[in-house]
Amino acid sequence: MQELKLDLSNLAEMFRGILPEEKVAAAQTAFLKEASEAMHTFYTGKMQTLPKAGIYGFNWFNIWYTPGVSKVSTAIREDQDESYRLSNRGNMVAVVSDSTRVLGDGDCGPAGGLGVMEGKAMLMKYLGACDAFALCVNNRDAEGN
């Protein structure tokens, strides 16, 4: 039996020969859903936030945070356009949803939509080199409306 390639490019072939051709697509989908749940469990989601600036010792927080960052804050206060040069503002977006229409799954609730929104953030980072943050908001009242 052949091994599944890491890039999953031979996934369909793994099912061919043991399943009728009309069942291969459904088997692939079932496999991908199970693998997705297992990987999300293993990694506890799929996104993380990492600094791009070096931290070479605890004292470097004096540069990246206080008191050093005061120079950055005041420069931006004086000229708002400086925020594009001195922060990640020009390369960060939020993926915001109330999760009432999550792909083909319908209303998943804010927490239920996080996986899809994190996936969109991952696509933006991987395909567009843009940092993205998933944010699912609960905009419903006490009755769920």
N, C-alpha and C. Protein backbone atom coordinates (compact mmCIF):
# COMPACT_ATOMS: atom_id res chain seq x y z
N MET A 1 0.84 -1.19 0.00
CA MET A 1 0.00 0.00 0.00
C MET A 1 0.88 1.24 0.00
N GLN A 2 0.51 2.22 -0.80
CA GLN A 2 1.30 3.44 -0.87
C GLN A 2 1.05 4.31 0.35
N GLU A 3 1.99 5.20 0.62
CA GLU A 3 1.86 6.12 1.75
C GLU A 3 1.21 7.42 1.29
N LEU A 4 0.46 8.00 2.18
CA LEU A 4 -0.16 9.30 1.91
C LEU A 4 0.93 10.36 1.93
N LYS A 5 0.98 11.17 0.88
CA LYS A 5 1.98 12.24 0.80
C LYS A 5 1.60 13.36 1.76
N LEU A 6 2.61 14.01 2.29
CA LEU A 6 2.39 15.09 3.24
C LEU A 6 1.54 16.21 2.66
N ASP A 7 1.69 16.47 1.36
CA ASP A 7 0.89 17.53 0.73
C ASP A 7 -0.51 17.06 0.33
N LEU A 8 -0.84 15.81 0.64
CA LEU A 8 -2.15 15.19 0.39
C LEU A 8 -2.50 15.09 -1.09
N SER A 9 -1.53 15.26 -1.96
CA SER A 9 -1.81 15.25 -3.40
C SER A 9 -2.26 13.88 -3.92
N ASN A 10 -2.02 12.84 -3.16
CA ASN A 10 -2.44 11.50 -3.60
C ASN A 10 -3.59 10.95 -2.75
N LEU A 11 -4.33 11.82 -2.11
CA LEU A 11 -5.41 11.38 -1.22
C LEU A 11 -6.45 10.55 -1.96
N ALA A 12 -6.89 11.00 -3.12
CA ALA A 12 -7.91 10.25 -3.86
C ALA A 12 -7.42 8.85 -4.22
N GLU A 13 -6.14 8.75 -4.58
CA GLU A 13 -5.59 7.44 -4.96
C GLU A 13 -5.58 6.46 -3.78
N MET A 14 -5.53 6.99 -2.58
CA MET A 14 -5.54 6.12 -1.40
C MET A 14 -6.86 5.35 -1.29
N PHE A 15 -7.93 5.92 -1.83
CA PHE A 15 -9.25 5.29 -1.74
C PHE A 15 -9.60 4.49 -2.99
N ARG A 16 -8.96 4.84 -4.10
CA ARG A 16 -9.24 4.11 -5.34
C ARG A 16 -8.71 2.69 -5.22
N GLY A 17 -9.46 1.77 -5.73
CA GLY A 17 -9.07 0.36 -5.66
C GLY A 17 -9.68 -0.35 -4.46
N ILE A 18 -10.00 0.42 -3.42
CA ILE A 18 -10.68 -0.20 -2.27
C ILE A 18 -12.13 0.26 -2.16
N LEU A 19 -12.45 1.35 -2.88
CA LEU A 19 -13.83 1.86 -2.90
C LEU A 19 -14.27 2.05 -4.34
N PRO A 20 -15.56 1.93 -4.61
CA PRO A 20 -16.05 2.27 -5.95
C PRO A 20 -15.79 3.76 -6.22
N GLU A 21 -15.56 4.10 -7.47
CA GLU A 21 -15.20 5.48 -7.84
C GLU A 21 -16.22 6.49 -7.33
N GLU A 22 -17.50 6.14 -7.33
CA GLU A 22 -18.53 7.10 -6.88
C GLU A 22 -18.47 7.37 -5.37
N LYS A 23 -17.71 6.59 -4.63
CA LYS A 23 -17.59 6.78 -3.18
C LYS A 23 -16.29 7.49 -2.78
N VAL A 24 -15.39 7.69 -3.75
CA VAL A 24 -14.07 8.26 -3.44
C VAL A 24 -14.20 9.68 -2.90
N ALA A 25 -14.99 10.52 -3.54
CA ALA A 25 -15.12 11.92 -3.10
C ALA A 25 -15.67 12.00 -1.68
N ALA A 26 -16.68 11.18 -1.38
CA ALA A 26 -17.25 11.19 -0.03
C ALA A 26 -16.23 10.69 1.00
N ALA A 27 -15.44 9.70 0.62
CA ALA A 27 -14.41 9.19 1.53
C ALA A 27 -13.34 10.24 1.78
N GLN A 28 -12.96 10.96 0.73
CA GLN A 28 -11.98 12.05 0.89
C GLN A 28 -12.51 13.09 1.86
N THR A 29 -13.76 13.50 1.67
CA THR A 29 -14.36 14.51 2.54
C THR A 29 -14.40 14.03 3.98
N ALA A 30 -14.81 12.79 4.19
CA ALA A 30 -14.86 12.24 5.55
C ALA A 30 -13.46 12.21 6.17
N PHE A 31 -12.48 11.79 5.39
CA PHE A 31 -11.10 11.77 5.88
C PHE A 31 -10.64 13.17 6.27
N LEU A 32 -10.88 14.15 5.39
CA LEU A 32 -10.44 15.52 5.65
C LEU A 32 -11.10 16.11 6.89
N LYS A 33 -12.37 15.79 7.10
CA LYS A 33 -13.06 16.29 8.30
C LYS A 33 -12.47 15.68 9.56
N GLU A 34 -12.20 14.37 9.54
CA GLU A 34 -11.60 13.72 10.71
C GLU A 34 -10.19 14.24 10.96
N ALA A 35 -9.42 14.38 9.89
CA ALA A 35 -8.05 14.90 10.02
C ALA A 35 -8.07 16.33 10.54
N SER A 36 -9.02 17.12 10.06
CA SER A 36 -9.14 18.50 10.51
C SER A 36 -9.39 18.57 12.01
N GLU A 37 -10.32 17.77 12.49
CA GLU A 37 -10.60 17.77 13.92
C GLU A 37 -9.38 17.32 14.72
N ALA A 38 -8.71 16.29 14.25
CA ALA A 38 -7.52 15.79 14.95
C ALA A 38 -6.41 16.84 14.98
N MET A 39 -6.19 17.52 13.86
CA MET A 39 -5.13 18.54 13.80
C MET A 39 -5.48 19.76 14.63
N HIS A 40 -6.76 20.17 14.60
CA HIS A 40 -7.17 21.31 15.43
C HIS A 40 -7.01 20.97 16.91
N THR A 41 -7.29 19.73 17.27
CA THR A 41 -7.11 19.30 18.66
C THR A 41 -5.63 19.30 19.02
N PHE A 42 -4.81 18.75 18.15
CA PHE A 42 -3.37 18.66 18.41
C PHE A 42 -2.75 20.05 18.58
N TYR A 43 -3.08 20.96 17.66
CA TYR A 43 -2.48 22.30 17.67
C TYR A 43 -3.29 23.30 18.50
N THR A 44 -4.44 22.91 19.02
CA THR A 44 -5.35 23.82 19.72
C THR A 44 -5.65 25.02 18.83
N GLY A 45 -6.22 24.76 17.68
CA GLY A 45 -6.46 25.79 16.67
C GLY A 45 -5.35 25.75 15.64
N LYS A 46 -5.24 26.80 14.86
CA LYS A 46 -4.21 26.81 13.82
C LYS A 46 -3.40 28.10 13.75
N MET A 47 -3.76 29.10 14.52
CA MET A 47 -3.07 30.38 14.46
C MET A 47 -2.41 30.69 15.80
N GLN A 48 -1.34 31.48 15.71
CA GLN A 48 -0.68 32.00 16.91
C GLN A 48 -0.10 33.36 16.57
N THR A 49 0.23 34.11 17.58
CA THR A 49 0.84 35.41 17.38
C THR A 49 2.29 35.33 17.82
N LEU A 50 3.18 35.69 16.93
CA LEU A 50 4.61 35.69 17.23
C LEU A 50 5.19 37.06 16.93
N PRO A 51 6.08 37.55 17.79
CA PRO A 51 6.72 38.83 17.47
C PRO A 51 7.70 38.66 16.32
N LYS A 52 7.81 39.68 15.49
CA LYS A 52 8.82 39.63 14.43
C LYS A 52 10.09 40.34 14.86
N ALA A 53 10.00 41.10 15.94
CA ALA A 53 11.16 41.80 16.48
C ALA A 53 11.88 40.90 17.47
N GLY A 54 13.18 41.03 17.52
CA GLY A 54 13.98 40.21 18.43
C GLY A 54 13.84 40.62 19.88
N ILE A 55 13.88 39.64 20.75
CA ILE A 55 13.91 39.87 22.19
C ILE A 55 15.14 39.12 22.68
N TYR A 56 16.22 39.85 22.90
CA TYR A 56 17.52 39.24 23.18
C TYR A 56 17.83 39.18 24.66
N GLY A 57 16.88 39.57 25.44
CA GLY A 57 16.99 39.56 26.89
C GLY A 57 15.83 40.38 27.43
N PHE A 58 15.57 40.22 28.71
CA PHE A 58 14.42 40.88 29.32
C PHE A 58 14.46 42.40 29.14
N ASN A 59 15.64 42.99 29.13
CA ASN A 59 15.75 44.45 29.00
C ASN A 59 15.29 44.97 27.65
N TRP A 60 15.17 44.10 26.66
CA TRP A 60 14.67 44.53 25.36
C TRP A 60 13.21 44.96 25.42
N PHE A 61 12.49 44.52 26.44
CA PHE A 61 11.11 45.00 26.60
C PHE A 61 11.10 46.50 26.87
N ASN A 62 12.20 47.07 27.35
CA ASN A 62 12.30 48.52 27.53
C ASN A 62 12.32 49.25 26.19
N ILE A 63 12.69 48.55 25.14
CA ILE A 63 12.66 49.13 23.80
C ILE A 63 11.30 48.91 23.16
N TRP A 64 10.84 47.66 23.21
CA TRP A 64 9.59 47.31 22.52
C TRP A 64 8.36 47.78 23.28
N TYR A 65 8.48 47.96 24.57
CA TYR A 65 7.35 48.43 25.37
C TYR A 65 7.76 49.75 26.02
N THR A 66 7.68 49.84 27.29
CA THR A 66 7.97 51.12 27.94
C THR A 66 9.34 51.08 28.62
N PRO A 67 10.10 52.12 28.59
CA PRO A 67 9.76 53.49 28.18
C PRO A 67 10.01 53.78 26.70
N GLY A 68 10.73 52.91 26.00
CA GLY A 68 11.14 53.20 24.63
C GLY A 68 10.01 53.49 23.66
N VAL A 69 8.91 52.76 23.77
CA VAL A 69 7.82 52.89 22.81
C VAL A 69 7.15 54.26 22.87
N SER A 70 7.42 55.01 23.91
CA SER A 70 6.86 56.35 24.01
C SER A 70 7.26 57.22 22.82
N LYS A 71 8.47 57.04 22.35
CA LYS A 71 8.96 57.78 21.17
C LYS A 71 8.11 57.44 19.94
N VAL A 72 7.74 56.17 19.81
CA VAL A 72 6.90 55.72 18.69
C VAL A 72 5.50 56.31 18.83
N SER A 73 4.94 56.24 20.02
CA SER A 73 3.58 56.76 20.25
C SER A 73 3.49 58.24 19.94
N THR A 74 4.46 59.00 20.39
CA THR A 74 4.40 60.44 20.16
C THR A 74 4.66 60.78 18.69
N ALA A 75 5.50 60.01 18.02
CA ALA A 75 5.73 60.23 16.59
C ALA A 75 4.44 60.00 15.81
N ILE A 76 3.72 58.95 16.16
CA ILE A 76 2.44 58.66 15.49
C ILE A 76 1.40 59.72 15.85
N ARG A 77 1.42 60.18 17.09
CA ARG A 77 0.49 61.24 17.49
C ARG A 77 0.70 62.48 16.65
N GLU A 78 1.95 62.80 16.36
CA GLU A 78 2.28 63.99 15.57
C GLU A 78 1.96 63.81 14.09
N ASP A 79 2.06 62.58 13.60
CA ASP A 79 1.80 62.30 12.18
C ASP A 79 1.22 60.90 12.06
N GLN A 80 -0.08 60.81 11.89
CA GLN A 80 -0.78 59.52 11.84
C GLN A 80 -0.21 58.57 10.79
N ASP A 81 0.29 59.11 9.69
CA ASP A 81 0.85 58.26 8.64
C ASP A 81 2.09 57.49 9.11
N GLU A 82 2.73 57.98 10.15
CA GLU A 82 3.89 57.27 10.70
C GLU A 82 3.51 55.89 11.23
N SER A 83 2.23 55.68 11.51
CA SER A 83 1.81 54.37 12.02
C SER A 83 2.07 53.26 11.01
N TYR A 84 2.08 53.61 9.73
CA TYR A 84 2.38 52.60 8.71
C TYR A 84 3.86 52.22 8.72
N ARG A 85 4.72 53.14 9.11
CA ARG A 85 6.16 52.89 9.16
C ARG A 85 6.58 52.27 10.49
N LEU A 86 5.90 52.64 11.55
CA LEU A 86 6.35 52.26 12.89
C LEU A 86 5.53 51.14 13.54
N SER A 87 4.53 50.65 12.85
CA SER A 87 3.71 49.56 13.41
C SER A 87 3.33 48.59 12.29
N ASN A 88 2.58 47.60 12.64
CA ASN A 88 2.11 46.60 11.67
C ASN A 88 0.79 47.01 11.03
N ARG A 89 0.39 48.24 11.22
CA ARG A 89 -0.92 48.71 10.75
C ARG A 89 -1.17 48.44 9.27
N GLY A 90 -0.19 48.63 8.45
CA GLY A 90 -0.37 48.46 7.01
C GLY A 90 -0.39 47.01 6.55
N ASN A 91 -0.17 46.08 7.48
CA ASN A 91 -0.10 44.67 7.09
C ASN A 91 -0.98 43.79 7.97
N MET A 92 -1.99 44.37 8.62
CA MET A 92 -2.83 43.58 9.50
C MET A 92 -4.30 43.86 9.20
N VAL A 93 -5.06 42.79 9.17
CA VAL A 93 -6.50 42.91 8.98
C VAL A 93 -7.20 42.05 10.03
N ALA A 94 -8.46 42.34 10.24
CA ALA A 94 -9.29 41.50 11.11
C ALA A 94 -10.29 40.75 10.24
N VAL A 95 -10.46 39.49 10.52
CA VAL A 95 -11.50 38.69 9.88
C VAL A 95 -12.63 38.63 10.89
N VAL A 96 -13.67 39.43 10.67
CA VAL A 96 -14.74 39.60 11.65
C VAL A 96 -16.01 38.95 11.14
N SER A 97 -16.67 38.20 12.01
CA SER A 97 -17.91 37.54 11.64
C SER A 97 -18.77 37.33 12.87
N ASP A 98 -20.09 37.28 12.66
CA ASP A 98 -20.98 36.86 13.74
C ASP A 98 -21.32 35.38 13.59
N SER A 99 -20.76 34.75 12.58
CA SER A 99 -20.86 33.31 12.33
C SER A 99 -22.28 32.83 12.07
N THR A 100 -23.12 33.71 11.52
CA THR A 100 -24.48 33.28 11.21
C THR A 100 -24.54 32.53 9.88
N ARG A 101 -23.53 32.68 9.05
CA ARG A 101 -23.47 31.95 7.77
C ARG A 101 -22.05 31.44 7.58
N VAL A 102 -21.77 30.28 8.12
CA VAL A 102 -20.43 29.70 8.07
C VAL A 102 -20.39 28.64 6.98
N LEU A 103 -19.78 29.01 5.86
CA LEU A 103 -19.68 28.12 4.70
C LEU A 103 -20.99 27.38 4.49
N GLY A 104 -20.99 26.08 4.42
CA GLY A 104 -22.22 25.34 4.21
C GLY A 104 -22.87 24.87 5.50
N ASP A 105 -22.35 25.33 6.63
CA ASP A 105 -22.83 24.84 7.92
C ASP A 105 -23.88 25.73 8.57
N GLY A 106 -24.16 26.88 8.00
CA GLY A 106 -25.19 27.77 8.55
C GLY A 106 -24.72 28.50 9.78
N ASP A 107 -25.63 28.72 10.72
CA ASP A 107 -25.36 29.47 11.94
C ASP A 107 -24.65 28.56 12.94
N CYS A 108 -23.39 28.83 13.17
CA CYS A 108 -22.59 28.03 14.11
C CYS A 108 -22.39 28.74 15.44
N GLY A 109 -22.87 29.97 15.56
CA GLY A 109 -22.60 30.76 16.75
C GLY A 109 -21.18 31.30 16.69
N PRO A 110 -20.90 32.35 17.45
CA PRO A 110 -19.58 32.98 17.39
C PRO A 110 -18.42 32.01 17.65
N ALA A 111 -18.51 31.19 18.68
CA ALA A 111 -17.41 30.26 18.97
C ALA A 111 -17.28 29.21 17.87
N GLY A 112 -18.40 28.77 17.33
CA GLY A 112 -18.37 27.75 16.28
C GLY A 112 -17.76 28.23 14.98
N GLY A 113 -17.79 29.51 14.74
CA GLY A 113 -17.23 30.05 13.51
C GLY A 113 -15.74 30.32 13.55
N LEU A 114 -15.14 30.21 14.74
CA LEU A 114 -13.72 30.54 14.86
C LEU A 114 -12.82 29.72 13.95
N GLY A 115 -13.10 28.44 13.80
CA GLY A 115 -12.26 27.60 12.96
C GLY A 115 -12.21 28.09 11.52
N VAL A 116 -13.36 28.49 10.99
CA VAL A 116 -13.41 28.98 9.61
C VAL A 116 -12.73 30.34 9.51
N MET A 117 -12.96 31.22 10.48
CA MET A 117 -12.34 32.54 10.43
C MET A 117 -10.82 32.44 10.60
N GLU A 118 -10.36 31.52 11.46
CA GLU A 118 -8.92 31.28 11.56
C GLU A 118 -8.37 30.75 10.25
N GLY A 119 -9.16 29.91 9.58
CA GLY A 119 -8.74 29.40 8.27
C GLY A 119 -8.57 30.53 7.26
N LYS A 120 -9.50 31.48 7.28
CA LYS A 120 -9.39 32.63 6.38
C LYS A 120 -8.15 33.45 6.73
N ALA A 121 -7.90 33.62 8.03
CA ALA A 121 -6.70 34.35 8.45
C ALA A 121 -5.44 33.63 7.99
N MET A 122 -5.47 32.31 8.06
CA MET A 122 -4.33 31.51 7.62
C MET A 122 -4.10 31.67 6.11
N LEU A 123 -5.18 31.67 5.34
CA LEU A 123 -5.07 31.89 3.90
C LEU A 123 -4.47 33.26 3.59
N MET A 124 -4.90 34.28 4.32
CA MET A 124 -4.37 35.62 4.09
C MET A 124 -2.88 35.68 4.39
N LYS A 125 -2.45 35.01 5.45
CA LYS A 125 -1.04 35.00 5.80
C LYS A 125 -0.23 34.20 4.77
N TYR A 126 -0.73 33.03 4.43
CA TYR A 126 0.01 32.12 3.54
C TYR A 126 0.03 32.62 2.10
N LEU A 127 -1.10 33.09 1.62
CA LEU A 127 -1.20 33.48 0.21
C LEU A 127 -0.92 34.97 -0.03
N GLY A 128 -1.15 35.79 0.99
CA GLY A 128 -1.00 37.23 0.79
C GLY A 128 0.01 37.91 1.68
N ALA A 129 0.68 37.14 2.55
CA ALA A 129 1.68 37.69 3.47
C ALA A 129 1.10 38.82 4.32
N CYS A 130 -0.17 38.72 4.62
CA CYS A 130 -0.87 39.72 5.42
C CYS A 130 -1.24 39.10 6.76
N ASP A 131 -0.87 39.75 7.85
CA ASP A 131 -1.24 39.25 9.16
C ASP A 131 -2.73 39.48 9.37
N ALA A 132 -3.41 38.46 9.83
CA ALA A 132 -4.86 38.55 10.02
C ALA A 132 -5.22 37.95 11.37
N PHE A 133 -6.23 38.52 11.97
CA PHE A 133 -6.70 38.09 13.28
C PHE A 133 -8.18 37.74 13.18
N ALA A 134 -8.53 36.54 13.60
CA ALA A 134 -9.93 36.11 13.55
C ALA A 134 -10.67 36.62 14.78
N LEU A 135 -11.83 37.21 14.54
CA LEU A 135 -12.64 37.74 15.63
C LEU A 135 -14.11 37.43 15.34
N CYS A 136 -14.68 36.56 16.14
CA CYS A 136 -16.10 36.22 16.00
C CYS A 136 -16.86 36.91 17.13
N VAL A 137 -17.81 37.74 16.76
CA VAL A 137 -18.52 38.56 17.74
C VAL A 137 -19.91 38.01 18.03
N ASN A 138 -20.32 38.14 19.27
CA ASN A 138 -21.67 37.76 19.67
C ASN A 138 -22.49 39.04 19.69
N ASN A 139 -23.24 39.25 18.63
CA ASN A 139 -24.04 40.47 18.53
C ASN A 139 -25.52 40.19 18.76
N ARG A 140 -25.82 39.12 19.47
CA ARG A 140 -27.21 38.73 19.71
C ARG A 140 -27.65 39.18 21.09
N ASP A 141 -28.94 39.41 21.22
CA ASP A 141 -29.47 39.79 22.52
C ASP A 141 -29.69 38.55 23.39
N ALA A 142 -30.23 38.73 24.56
CA ALA A 142 -30.41 37.62 25.51
C ALA A 142 -31.29 36.51 24.96
N GLU A 143 -32.19 36.85 24.03
CA GLU A 143 -33.07 35.84 23.43
C GLU A 143 -32.43 35.15 22.23
N GLY A 144 -31.23 35.56 21.87
CA GLY A 144 -30.54 34.95 20.74
C GLY A 144 -30.87 35.57 19.40
N ASN A 145 -31.50 36.73 19.39
CA ASN A 145 -31.84 37.42 18.13
C ASN A 145 -30.75 38.39 17.73
